[in-house]
Amino acid sequence: MRSFIAIELPLAIRSALAELQRELRRCNADIRWVKPDNIHLTLKFLGEVREDRIDGIVKGIRDVCGRYGHFRLEVRDLGVFPNRRSPRVLWVDVSGDGLLAGLQRDIEEAMALAGFKAEKRGYTPHLTIGRFRSLKEKDHLFERISQLSDNSLGFMDVKSLALMRSDLGPGGAKYTRVAELPLIGA
């Protein structure tokens, strides 16, 4: 089972992202847009996981969740990976009060203890909203992005983490929640 650990987005944020995508589509850039219902904040990509490892993964996530209480994140600003010269991913920034970085680091450590390879790159919290297929109309898109900078899409209260399953198909990925684990620490 291809899987990852994520924070699922509330309806209000998914709706704001859908509206942003509609606005950016007008630039006619050659982008494959992520369906708003598929957008999530990934904390750790696990890759292919055998079914018999799920209980251990859930236990590791639950242990981390027990150390964190609810917290708030803001969704705002647009960016690209790896850079504007040769962009591949269009994303929206996610920022908060510092708890997210600690939570992600603790999830990374818990999964390393469970036998998953640690990520070497630093964590950049973001929501992928599209992937560039070509550089067509990228300058027009970047002009529009500049006009939309400093534009908040809203706040979200994080109350749980989810272990997600990803099934790849001809219509793209389909994500299914395997387990939802509440943040319960003080």
N, C-alpha and C. Protein backbone atom coordinates (compact mmCIF):
# COMPACT_ATOMS: atom_id res chain seq x y z
N MET A 1 0.85 -1.17 0.00
CA MET A 1 0.00 0.00 0.00
C MET A 1 0.90 1.24 0.00
N ARG A 2 0.72 2.10 -0.98
CA ARG A 2 1.47 3.37 -1.05
C ARG A 2 0.83 4.33 -0.05
N SER A 3 1.64 4.89 0.87
CA SER A 3 1.02 5.67 1.94
C SER A 3 1.87 6.86 2.38
N PHE A 4 1.21 7.75 3.12
CA PHE A 4 1.86 8.95 3.65
C PHE A 4 1.09 9.43 4.87
N ILE A 5 1.73 10.29 5.66
CA ILE A 5 1.11 10.89 6.84
C ILE A 5 0.85 12.35 6.52
N ALA A 6 -0.36 12.82 6.81
CA ALA A 6 -0.73 14.17 6.39
C ALA A 6 -1.70 14.83 7.35
N ILE A 7 -1.86 16.13 7.13
CA ILE A 7 -2.92 16.90 7.76
C ILE A 7 -3.95 17.15 6.66
N GLU A 8 -5.18 16.72 6.91
CA GLU A 8 -6.24 16.95 5.93
C GLU A 8 -6.76 18.37 6.08
N LEU A 9 -7.24 18.93 4.98
CA LEU A 9 -7.68 20.33 4.97
C LEU A 9 -9.18 20.45 5.18
N PRO A 10 -9.60 21.49 5.90
CA PRO A 10 -11.03 21.73 6.07
C PRO A 10 -11.64 22.23 4.75
N LEU A 11 -12.94 22.10 4.65
CA LEU A 11 -13.67 22.49 3.44
C LEU A 11 -13.40 23.94 3.06
N ALA A 12 -13.35 24.86 4.02
CA ALA A 12 -13.15 26.28 3.71
C ALA A 12 -11.81 26.51 3.00
N ILE A 13 -10.77 25.82 3.42
CA ILE A 13 -9.45 25.97 2.78
C ILE A 13 -9.47 25.33 1.40
N ARG A 14 -10.07 24.14 1.27
CA ARG A 14 -10.15 23.51 -0.06
C ARG A 14 -10.92 24.39 -1.03
N SER A 15 -11.99 25.04 -0.56
CA SER A 15 -12.77 25.95 -1.41
C SER A 15 -11.95 27.15 -1.83
N ALA A 16 -11.17 27.72 -0.90
CA ALA A 16 -10.32 28.86 -1.22
C ALA A 16 -9.24 28.47 -2.23
N LEU A 17 -8.70 27.26 -2.10
CA LEU A 17 -7.70 26.77 -3.06
C LEU A 17 -8.33 26.56 -4.44
N ALA A 18 -9.56 26.06 -4.48
CA ALA A 18 -10.26 25.87 -5.76
C ALA A 18 -10.47 27.21 -6.45
N GLU A 19 -10.83 28.23 -5.68
CA GLU A 19 -11.03 29.57 -6.25
C GLU A 19 -9.70 30.13 -6.77
N LEU A 20 -8.63 29.92 -6.03
CA LEU A 20 -7.30 30.36 -6.47
C LEU A 20 -6.92 29.66 -7.77
N GLN A 21 -7.16 28.36 -7.86
CA GLN A 21 -6.85 27.64 -9.09
C GLN A 21 -7.66 28.19 -10.27
N ARG A 22 -8.95 28.49 -10.05
CA ARG A 22 -9.77 29.08 -11.12
C ARG A 22 -9.16 30.39 -11.61
N GLU A 23 -8.72 31.20 -10.67
CA GLU A 23 -8.09 32.49 -11.01
C GLU A 23 -6.81 32.27 -11.82
N LEU A 24 -5.97 31.34 -11.40
CA LEU A 24 -4.69 31.11 -12.07
C LEU A 24 -4.85 30.41 -13.41
N ARG A 25 -5.90 29.66 -13.59
CA ARG A 25 -6.16 28.99 -14.88
C ARG A 25 -6.30 30.00 -16.01
N ARG A 26 -6.76 31.20 -15.67
CA ARG A 26 -6.94 32.26 -16.68
C ARG A 26 -5.63 32.65 -17.35
N CYS A 27 -4.51 32.31 -16.74
CA CYS A 27 -3.19 32.64 -17.31
C CYS A 27 -2.82 31.70 -18.45
N ASN A 28 -3.56 30.60 -18.60
CA ASN A 28 -3.32 29.61 -19.64
C ASN A 28 -1.94 28.94 -19.57
N ALA A 29 -1.37 28.89 -18.38
CA ALA A 29 -0.12 28.17 -18.20
C ALA A 29 -0.39 26.68 -18.35
N ASP A 30 0.61 25.94 -18.77
CA ASP A 30 0.47 24.50 -19.02
C ASP A 30 0.70 23.75 -17.71
N ILE A 31 -0.35 23.71 -16.90
CA ILE A 31 -0.27 23.11 -15.56
C ILE A 31 -1.33 22.03 -15.42
N ARG A 32 -0.95 20.92 -14.81
CA ARG A 32 -1.91 19.89 -14.43
C ARG A 32 -2.32 20.23 -13.00
N TRP A 33 -3.57 20.63 -12.83
CA TRP A 33 -4.06 21.10 -11.54
C TRP A 33 -4.45 19.93 -10.65
N VAL A 34 -4.11 20.03 -9.37
CA VAL A 34 -4.47 19.01 -8.38
C VAL A 34 -5.93 19.27 -7.99
N LYS A 35 -6.73 18.23 -7.96
CA LYS A 35 -8.12 18.38 -7.52
C LYS A 35 -8.13 18.88 -6.07
N PRO A 36 -8.93 19.90 -5.78
CA PRO A 36 -8.93 20.44 -4.41
C PRO A 36 -9.18 19.40 -3.33
N ASP A 37 -9.98 18.39 -3.62
CA ASP A 37 -10.24 17.34 -2.62
C ASP A 37 -9.01 16.47 -2.38
N ASN A 38 -8.02 16.53 -3.27
CA ASN A 38 -6.80 15.73 -3.11
C ASN A 38 -5.66 16.52 -2.47
N ILE A 39 -5.88 17.80 -2.21
CA ILE A 39 -4.81 18.62 -1.63
C ILE A 39 -4.76 18.38 -0.12
N HIS A 40 -3.56 18.19 0.38
CA HIS A 40 -3.33 17.92 1.80
C HIS A 40 -1.94 18.42 2.16
N LEU A 41 -1.65 18.49 3.44
CA LEU A 41 -0.32 18.88 3.91
C LEU A 41 0.43 17.62 4.33
N THR A 42 1.35 17.19 3.48
CA THR A 42 2.12 15.98 3.77
C THR A 42 3.16 16.25 4.85
N LEU A 43 3.20 15.37 5.82
CA LEU A 43 4.23 15.43 6.87
C LEU A 43 5.34 14.42 6.62
N LYS A 44 4.96 13.26 6.06
CA LYS A 44 5.95 12.21 5.80
C LYS A 44 5.42 11.27 4.74
N PHE A 45 6.15 11.13 3.64
CA PHE A 45 5.81 10.15 2.61
C PHE A 45 6.49 8.84 2.99
N LEU A 46 5.70 7.77 3.08
CA LEU A 46 6.24 6.47 3.49
C LEU A 46 6.55 5.56 2.32
N GLY A 47 5.87 5.74 1.20
CA GLY A 47 6.07 4.87 0.06
C GLY A 47 5.26 3.60 0.19
N GLU A 48 5.73 2.53 -0.43
CA GLU A 48 5.03 1.25 -0.37
C GLU A 48 5.19 0.63 1.02
N VAL A 49 4.07 0.29 1.63
CA VAL A 49 4.07 -0.26 2.99
C VAL A 49 3.27 -1.56 2.99
N ARG A 50 3.83 -2.60 3.60
CA ARG A 50 3.09 -3.86 3.75
C ARG A 50 1.99 -3.68 4.78
N GLU A 51 0.89 -4.36 4.58
CA GLU A 51 -0.28 -4.26 5.49
C GLU A 51 0.10 -4.60 6.93
N ASP A 52 1.03 -5.53 7.13
CA ASP A 52 1.38 -5.94 8.49
C ASP A 52 2.19 -4.88 9.25
N ARG A 53 2.55 -3.78 8.59
CA ARG A 53 3.29 -2.69 9.26
C ARG A 53 2.37 -1.55 9.70
N ILE A 54 1.11 -1.59 9.29
CA ILE A 54 0.18 -0.48 9.55
C ILE A 54 0.01 -0.22 11.05
N ASP A 55 -0.17 -1.28 11.84
CA ASP A 55 -0.38 -1.08 13.29
C ASP A 55 0.80 -0.36 13.93
N GLY A 56 2.02 -0.71 13.54
CA GLY A 56 3.20 -0.05 14.08
C GLY A 56 3.29 1.42 13.66
N ILE A 57 2.90 1.71 12.43
CA ILE A 57 2.89 3.09 11.95
C ILE A 57 1.86 3.90 12.74
N VAL A 58 0.67 3.35 12.90
CA VAL A 58 -0.39 4.04 13.64
C VAL A 58 0.05 4.28 15.09
N LYS A 59 0.70 3.30 15.70
CA LYS A 59 1.18 3.48 17.08
C LYS A 59 2.19 4.62 17.15
N GLY A 60 3.11 4.69 16.19
CA GLY A 60 4.10 5.77 16.17
C GLY A 60 3.45 7.13 16.02
N ILE A 61 2.46 7.24 15.14
CA ILE A 61 1.75 8.51 14.96
C ILE A 61 0.99 8.86 16.23
N ARG A 62 0.31 7.88 16.83
CA ARG A 62 -0.45 8.11 18.06
C ARG A 62 0.46 8.62 19.17
N ASP A 63 1.65 8.03 19.30
CA ASP A 63 2.60 8.47 20.33
C ASP A 63 2.98 9.94 20.13
N VAL A 64 3.23 10.34 18.89
CA VAL A 64 3.57 11.74 18.61
C VAL A 64 2.36 12.64 18.89
N CYS A 65 1.18 12.23 18.47
CA CYS A 65 -0.04 13.03 18.67
C CYS A 65 -0.31 13.28 20.16
N GLY A 66 0.11 12.36 21.00
CA GLY A 66 -0.09 12.51 22.44
C GLY A 66 0.75 13.62 23.05
N ARG A 67 1.72 14.13 22.28
CA ARG A 67 2.58 15.21 22.79
C ARG A 67 2.18 16.58 22.26
N TYR A 68 1.15 16.63 21.42
CA TYR A 68 0.76 17.91 20.80
C TYR A 68 -0.72 18.19 21.00
N GLY A 69 -1.00 19.43 21.32
CA GLY A 69 -2.38 19.90 21.37
C GLY A 69 -2.75 20.53 20.04
N HIS A 70 -3.97 20.99 19.93
CA HIS A 70 -4.44 21.64 18.71
C HIS A 70 -3.62 22.89 18.45
N PHE A 71 -3.44 23.22 17.18
CA PHE A 71 -2.75 24.46 16.82
C PHE A 71 -3.33 24.98 15.51
N ARG A 72 -2.94 26.20 15.17
CA ARG A 72 -3.53 26.90 14.02
C ARG A 72 -2.45 27.18 12.98
N LEU A 73 -2.84 27.03 11.71
CA LEU A 73 -1.96 27.32 10.58
C LEU A 73 -2.63 28.33 9.66
N GLU A 74 -1.82 29.11 8.97
CA GLU A 74 -2.34 30.03 7.95
C GLU A 74 -1.89 29.55 6.58
N VAL A 75 -2.79 29.63 5.62
CA VAL A 75 -2.51 29.25 4.24
C VAL A 75 -2.43 30.55 3.45
N ARG A 76 -1.25 30.80 2.85
CA ARG A 76 -1.06 32.07 2.14
C ARG A 76 0.16 32.00 1.22
N ASP A 77 0.23 32.88 0.27
CA ASP A 77 1.37 33.06 -0.63
C ASP A 77 1.61 31.84 -1.53
N LEU A 78 2.12 32.13 -2.69
CA LEU A 78 2.38 31.12 -3.71
C LEU A 78 3.87 31.00 -3.97
N GLY A 79 4.29 29.83 -4.39
CA GLY A 79 5.69 29.61 -4.75
C GLY A 79 5.81 28.46 -5.72
N VAL A 80 7.04 28.22 -6.17
CA VAL A 80 7.31 27.10 -7.08
C VAL A 80 8.55 26.35 -6.62
N PHE A 81 8.58 25.07 -6.94
CA PHE A 81 9.77 24.25 -6.75
C PHE A 81 10.25 23.84 -8.13
N PRO A 82 11.51 23.72 -8.43
CA PRO A 82 12.62 24.12 -7.57
C PRO A 82 12.92 25.62 -7.64
N ASN A 83 12.59 26.27 -8.78
CA ASN A 83 12.84 27.71 -8.92
C ASN A 83 12.00 28.25 -10.09
N ARG A 84 12.00 29.57 -10.25
CA ARG A 84 11.18 30.20 -11.30
C ARG A 84 11.73 29.95 -12.70
N ARG A 85 13.01 29.68 -12.82
CA ARG A 85 13.62 29.44 -14.13
C ARG A 85 13.12 28.12 -14.72
N SER A 86 13.02 27.10 -13.89
CA SER A 86 12.55 25.80 -14.37
C SER A 86 11.57 25.20 -13.35
N PRO A 87 10.40 25.81 -13.24
CA PRO A 87 9.43 25.36 -12.23
C PRO A 87 8.82 24.01 -12.57
N ARG A 88 8.58 23.22 -11.54
CA ARG A 88 7.91 21.93 -11.72
C ARG A 88 6.64 21.84 -10.90
N VAL A 89 6.66 22.46 -9.70
CA VAL A 89 5.53 22.36 -8.78
C VAL A 89 5.08 23.77 -8.39
N LEU A 90 3.77 24.01 -8.45
CA LEU A 90 3.17 25.26 -7.98
C LEU A 90 2.53 24.96 -6.63
N TRP A 91 2.87 25.76 -5.61
CA TRP A 91 2.40 25.46 -4.27
C TRP A 91 1.97 26.71 -3.52
N VAL A 92 1.21 26.46 -2.45
CA VAL A 92 0.77 27.51 -1.53
C VAL A 92 1.45 27.24 -0.19
N ASP A 93 1.96 28.31 0.40
CA ASP A 93 2.70 28.23 1.66
C ASP A 93 1.75 27.99 2.85
N VAL A 94 2.25 27.25 3.83
CA VAL A 94 1.53 27.02 5.07
C VAL A 94 2.46 27.47 6.20
N SER A 95 1.96 28.36 7.06
CA SER A 95 2.80 28.84 8.16
C SER A 95 2.01 28.80 9.46
N GLY A 96 2.75 28.76 10.55
CA GLY A 96 2.11 28.68 11.86
C GLY A 96 3.01 29.22 12.93
N ASP A 97 2.78 28.73 14.14
CA ASP A 97 3.50 29.26 15.29
C ASP A 97 4.73 28.42 15.67
N GLY A 98 5.21 27.61 14.79
CA GLY A 98 6.40 26.81 15.08
C GLY A 98 6.09 25.38 15.50
N LEU A 99 4.86 25.11 15.91
CA LEU A 99 4.51 23.74 16.32
C LEU A 99 4.57 22.76 15.16
N LEU A 100 4.24 23.24 13.96
CA LEU A 100 4.24 22.36 12.79
C LEU A 100 5.62 21.76 12.55
N ALA A 101 6.66 22.58 12.65
CA ALA A 101 8.03 22.08 12.42
C ALA A 101 8.39 20.99 13.43
N GLY A 102 8.04 21.21 14.70
CA GLY A 102 8.32 20.21 15.72
C GLY A 102 7.52 18.93 15.50
N LEU A 103 6.27 19.08 15.14
CA LEU A 103 5.41 17.93 14.87
C LEU A 103 5.97 17.11 13.72
N GLN A 104 6.33 17.78 12.63
CA GLN A 104 6.86 17.07 11.47
C GLN A 104 8.16 16.36 11.83
N ARG A 105 9.03 17.03 12.58
CA ARG A 105 10.31 16.43 12.99
C ARG A 105 10.06 15.19 13.86
N ASP A 106 9.09 15.27 14.78
CA ASP A 106 8.78 14.13 15.63
C ASP A 106 8.19 12.97 14.84
N ILE A 107 7.35 13.28 13.84
CA ILE A 107 6.81 12.23 12.96
C ILE A 107 7.96 11.58 12.19
N GLU A 108 8.86 12.39 11.67
CA GLU A 108 10.03 11.87 10.94
C GLU A 108 10.84 10.93 11.82
N GLU A 109 11.08 11.32 13.07
CA GLU A 109 11.86 10.48 14.00
C GLU A 109 11.11 9.20 14.35
N ALA A 110 9.80 9.30 14.58
CA ALA A 110 9.01 8.10 14.91
C ALA A 110 9.02 7.11 13.75
N MET A 111 8.95 7.62 12.54
CA MET A 111 8.95 6.72 11.39
C MET A 111 10.34 6.14 11.12
N ALA A 112 11.38 6.89 11.47
CA ALA A 112 12.74 6.34 11.36
C ALA A 112 12.90 5.18 12.34
N LEU A 113 12.35 5.33 13.55
CA LEU A 113 12.39 4.23 14.52
C LEU A 113 11.59 3.03 14.05
N ALA A 114 10.57 3.28 13.22
CA ALA A 114 9.75 2.20 12.68
C ALA A 114 10.38 1.58 11.43
N GLY A 115 11.57 2.08 11.04
CA GLY A 115 12.29 1.48 9.93
C GLY A 115 12.16 2.19 8.59
N PHE A 116 11.61 3.39 8.58
CA PHE A 116 11.49 4.14 7.33
C PHE A 116 12.68 5.08 7.18
N LYS A 117 13.11 5.23 5.96
CA LYS A 117 14.26 6.07 5.65
C LYS A 117 13.95 7.53 5.98
N ALA A 118 14.88 8.18 6.68
CA ALA A 118 14.70 9.59 7.05
C ALA A 118 14.90 10.47 5.81
N GLU A 119 14.11 11.50 5.72
CA GLU A 119 14.22 12.47 4.63
C GLU A 119 15.45 13.34 4.88
N LYS A 120 16.28 13.51 3.87
CA LYS A 120 17.49 14.31 4.03
C LYS A 120 17.23 15.79 3.79
N ARG A 121 16.27 16.10 2.93
CA ARG A 121 15.95 17.51 2.64
C ARG A 121 15.20 18.12 3.82
N GLY A 122 15.39 19.41 4.01
CA GLY A 122 14.64 20.12 5.04
C GLY A 122 13.16 20.15 4.68
N TYR A 123 12.32 20.27 5.68
CA TYR A 123 10.87 20.28 5.48
C TYR A 123 10.40 21.68 5.13
N THR A 124 9.67 21.80 4.02
CA THR A 124 9.04 23.05 3.61
C THR A 124 7.54 22.81 3.56
N PRO A 125 6.79 23.27 4.57
CA PRO A 125 5.35 23.01 4.57
C PRO A 125 4.67 23.74 3.41
N HIS A 126 3.95 22.99 2.59
CA HIS A 126 3.30 23.56 1.42
C HIS A 126 2.15 22.67 0.96
N LEU A 127 1.27 23.26 0.18
CA LEU A 127 0.17 22.54 -0.45
C LEU A 127 0.38 22.59 -1.95
N THR A 128 0.61 21.45 -2.57
CA THR A 128 0.80 21.41 -4.02
C THR A 128 -0.55 21.61 -4.69
N ILE A 129 -0.65 22.66 -5.53
CA ILE A 129 -1.90 22.91 -6.23
C ILE A 129 -1.80 22.62 -7.72
N GLY A 130 -0.58 22.44 -8.24
CA GLY A 130 -0.43 22.13 -9.65
C GLY A 130 0.99 21.72 -9.98
N ARG A 131 1.12 21.03 -11.13
CA ARG A 131 2.44 20.60 -11.62
C ARG A 131 2.60 21.10 -13.05
N PHE A 132 3.73 21.72 -13.32
CA PHE A 132 4.00 22.26 -14.65
C PHE A 132 4.24 21.13 -15.65
N ARG A 133 3.54 21.19 -16.78
CA ARG A 133 3.79 20.25 -17.87
C ARG A 133 4.79 20.83 -18.85
N SER A 134 4.78 22.17 -18.99
CA SER A 134 5.74 22.88 -19.84
C SER A 134 5.86 24.29 -19.29
N LEU A 135 6.69 25.11 -19.93
CA LEU A 135 6.90 26.48 -19.48
C LEU A 135 6.00 27.47 -20.20
N LYS A 136 5.04 26.98 -20.97
CA LYS A 136 4.11 27.84 -21.71
C LYS A 136 3.40 28.80 -20.75
N GLU A 137 3.44 30.08 -21.08
CA GLU A 137 2.76 31.14 -20.32
C GLU A 137 3.21 31.26 -18.86
N LYS A 138 4.41 30.76 -18.56
CA LYS A 138 4.87 30.84 -17.17
C LYS A 138 5.08 32.28 -16.73
N ASP A 139 5.56 33.15 -17.63
CA ASP A 139 5.78 34.55 -17.25
C ASP A 139 4.46 35.24 -16.89
N HIS A 140 3.42 34.94 -17.66
CA HIS A 140 2.09 35.49 -17.37
C HIS A 140 1.61 34.99 -16.01
N LEU A 141 1.83 33.71 -15.74
CA LEU A 141 1.45 33.13 -14.46
C LEU A 141 2.21 33.79 -13.31
N PHE A 142 3.53 33.98 -13.47
CA PHE A 142 4.33 34.59 -12.40
C PHE A 142 3.92 36.04 -12.16
N GLU A 143 3.52 36.73 -13.21
CA GLU A 143 3.02 38.10 -13.05
C GLU A 143 1.76 38.10 -12.18
N ARG A 144 0.87 37.15 -12.45
CA ARG A 144 -0.37 37.06 -11.67
C ARG A 144 -0.07 36.64 -10.23
N ILE A 145 0.87 35.74 -10.05
CA ILE A 145 1.27 35.31 -8.71
C ILE A 145 1.79 36.50 -7.91
N SER A 146 2.59 37.35 -8.54
CA SER A 146 3.11 38.54 -7.87
C SER A 146 1.98 39.46 -7.42
N GLN A 147 0.94 39.56 -8.21
CA GLN A 147 -0.21 40.39 -7.86
C GLN A 147 -0.99 39.80 -6.68
N LEU A 148 -0.92 38.50 -6.53
CA LEU A 148 -1.66 37.83 -5.46
C LEU A 148 -0.85 37.62 -4.19
N SER A 149 0.41 38.08 -4.18
CA SER A 149 1.24 37.85 -2.99
C SER A 149 0.66 38.59 -1.79
N ASP A 150 0.98 38.10 -0.62
CA ASP A 150 0.45 38.63 0.65
C ASP A 150 -1.06 38.50 0.73
N ASN A 151 -1.58 37.46 0.11
CA ASN A 151 -3.02 37.22 0.08
C ASN A 151 -3.32 35.96 0.89
N SER A 152 -3.90 36.12 2.07
CA SER A 152 -4.22 34.96 2.91
C SER A 152 -5.44 34.23 2.37
N LEU A 153 -5.34 32.90 2.35
CA LEU A 153 -6.47 32.07 1.95
C LEU A 153 -7.25 31.57 3.17
N GLY A 154 -6.76 31.91 4.35
CA GLY A 154 -7.48 31.54 5.56
C GLY A 154 -6.63 30.80 6.56
N PHE A 155 -7.27 30.49 7.67
CA PHE A 155 -6.63 29.76 8.77
C PHE A 155 -7.30 28.40 8.93
N MET A 156 -6.54 27.47 9.46
CA MET A 156 -7.10 26.15 9.75
C MET A 156 -6.60 25.68 11.11
N ASP A 157 -7.51 25.08 11.86
CA ASP A 157 -7.16 24.51 13.15
C ASP A 157 -6.80 23.04 12.94
N VAL A 158 -5.62 22.68 13.37
CA VAL A 158 -5.15 21.30 13.23
C VAL A 158 -5.49 20.55 14.51
N LYS A 159 -6.31 19.51 14.36
CA LYS A 159 -6.76 18.73 15.51
C LYS A 159 -6.40 17.25 15.40
N SER A 160 -5.92 16.84 14.21
CA SER A 160 -5.60 15.43 14.02
C SER A 160 -4.63 15.26 12.86
N LEU A 161 -4.03 14.08 12.81
CA LEU A 161 -3.19 13.65 11.69
C LEU A 161 -3.85 12.45 11.06
N ALA A 162 -3.51 12.20 9.80
CA ALA A 162 -4.11 11.07 9.10
C ALA A 162 -3.03 10.23 8.42
N LEU A 163 -3.20 8.91 8.50
CA LEU A 163 -2.43 8.00 7.68
C LEU A 163 -3.26 7.79 6.43
N MET A 164 -2.68 8.10 5.28
CA MET A 164 -3.41 8.07 4.02
C MET A 164 -2.85 6.99 3.10
N ARG A 165 -3.76 6.45 2.29
CA ARG A 165 -3.40 5.49 1.25
C ARG A 165 -3.53 6.19 -0.08
N SER A 166 -2.59 5.95 -0.98
CA SER A 166 -2.61 6.55 -2.31
C SER A 166 -2.68 5.45 -3.36
N ASP A 167 -3.76 5.47 -4.14
CA ASP A 167 -3.91 4.51 -5.23
C ASP A 167 -3.80 5.27 -6.54
N LEU A 168 -2.81 4.91 -7.34
CA LEU A 168 -2.60 5.58 -8.62
C LEU A 168 -3.44 4.93 -9.70
N GLY A 169 -4.10 5.76 -10.50
CA GLY A 169 -4.93 5.25 -11.57
C GLY A 169 -4.85 6.16 -12.78
N PRO A 170 -5.55 5.82 -13.85
CA PRO A 170 -5.50 6.62 -15.08
C PRO A 170 -6.02 8.05 -14.87
N GLY A 171 -6.92 8.25 -13.92
CA GLY A 171 -7.45 9.58 -13.65
C GLY A 171 -6.66 10.34 -12.60
N GLY A 172 -5.51 9.82 -12.19
CA GLY A 172 -4.69 10.44 -11.14
C GLY A 172 -4.77 9.64 -9.86
N ALA A 173 -4.23 10.20 -8.81
CA ALA A 173 -4.20 9.52 -7.52
C ALA A 173 -5.54 9.64 -6.81
N LYS A 174 -5.90 8.58 -6.10
CA LYS A 174 -7.08 8.60 -5.24
C LYS A 174 -6.58 8.35 -3.83
N TYR A 175 -6.93 9.27 -2.91
CA TYR A 175 -6.46 9.17 -1.53
C TYR A 175 -7.58 8.71 -0.62
N THR A 176 -7.24 7.78 0.26
CA THR A 176 -8.19 7.24 1.21
C THR A 176 -7.57 7.29 2.60
N ARG A 177 -8.32 7.79 3.57
CA ARG A 177 -7.82 7.81 4.94
C ARG A 177 -7.86 6.39 5.50
N VAL A 178 -6.73 5.95 6.02
CA VAL A 178 -6.61 4.64 6.66
C VAL A 178 -6.87 4.77 8.16
N ALA A 179 -6.35 5.85 8.74
CA ALA A 179 -6.53 6.10 10.18
C ALA A 179 -6.45 7.60 10.43
N GLU A 180 -7.27 8.06 11.37
CA GLU A 180 -7.20 9.45 11.83
C GLU A 180 -6.84 9.44 13.30
N LEU A 181 -5.82 10.21 13.67
CA LEU A 181 -5.32 10.19 15.03
C LEU A 181 -5.36 11.60 15.60
N PRO A 182 -6.13 11.81 16.67
CA PRO A 182 -6.30 13.16 17.24
C PRO A 182 -5.05 13.63 17.98
N LEU A 183 -4.81 14.93 17.92
CA LEU A 183 -3.78 15.55 18.75
C LEU A 183 -4.40 15.70 20.14
N ILE A 184 -3.73 15.18 21.16
CA ILE A 184 -4.36 15.17 22.48
C ILE A 184 -3.49 15.75 23.58
N GLY A 185 -2.25 16.11 23.27
CA GLY A 185 -1.36 16.64 24.29
C GLY A 185 -1.76 18.06 24.70
N ALA A 186 -1.16 18.53 25.77
CA ALA A 186 -1.49 19.89 26.26
C ALA A 186 -0.64 20.93 25.60
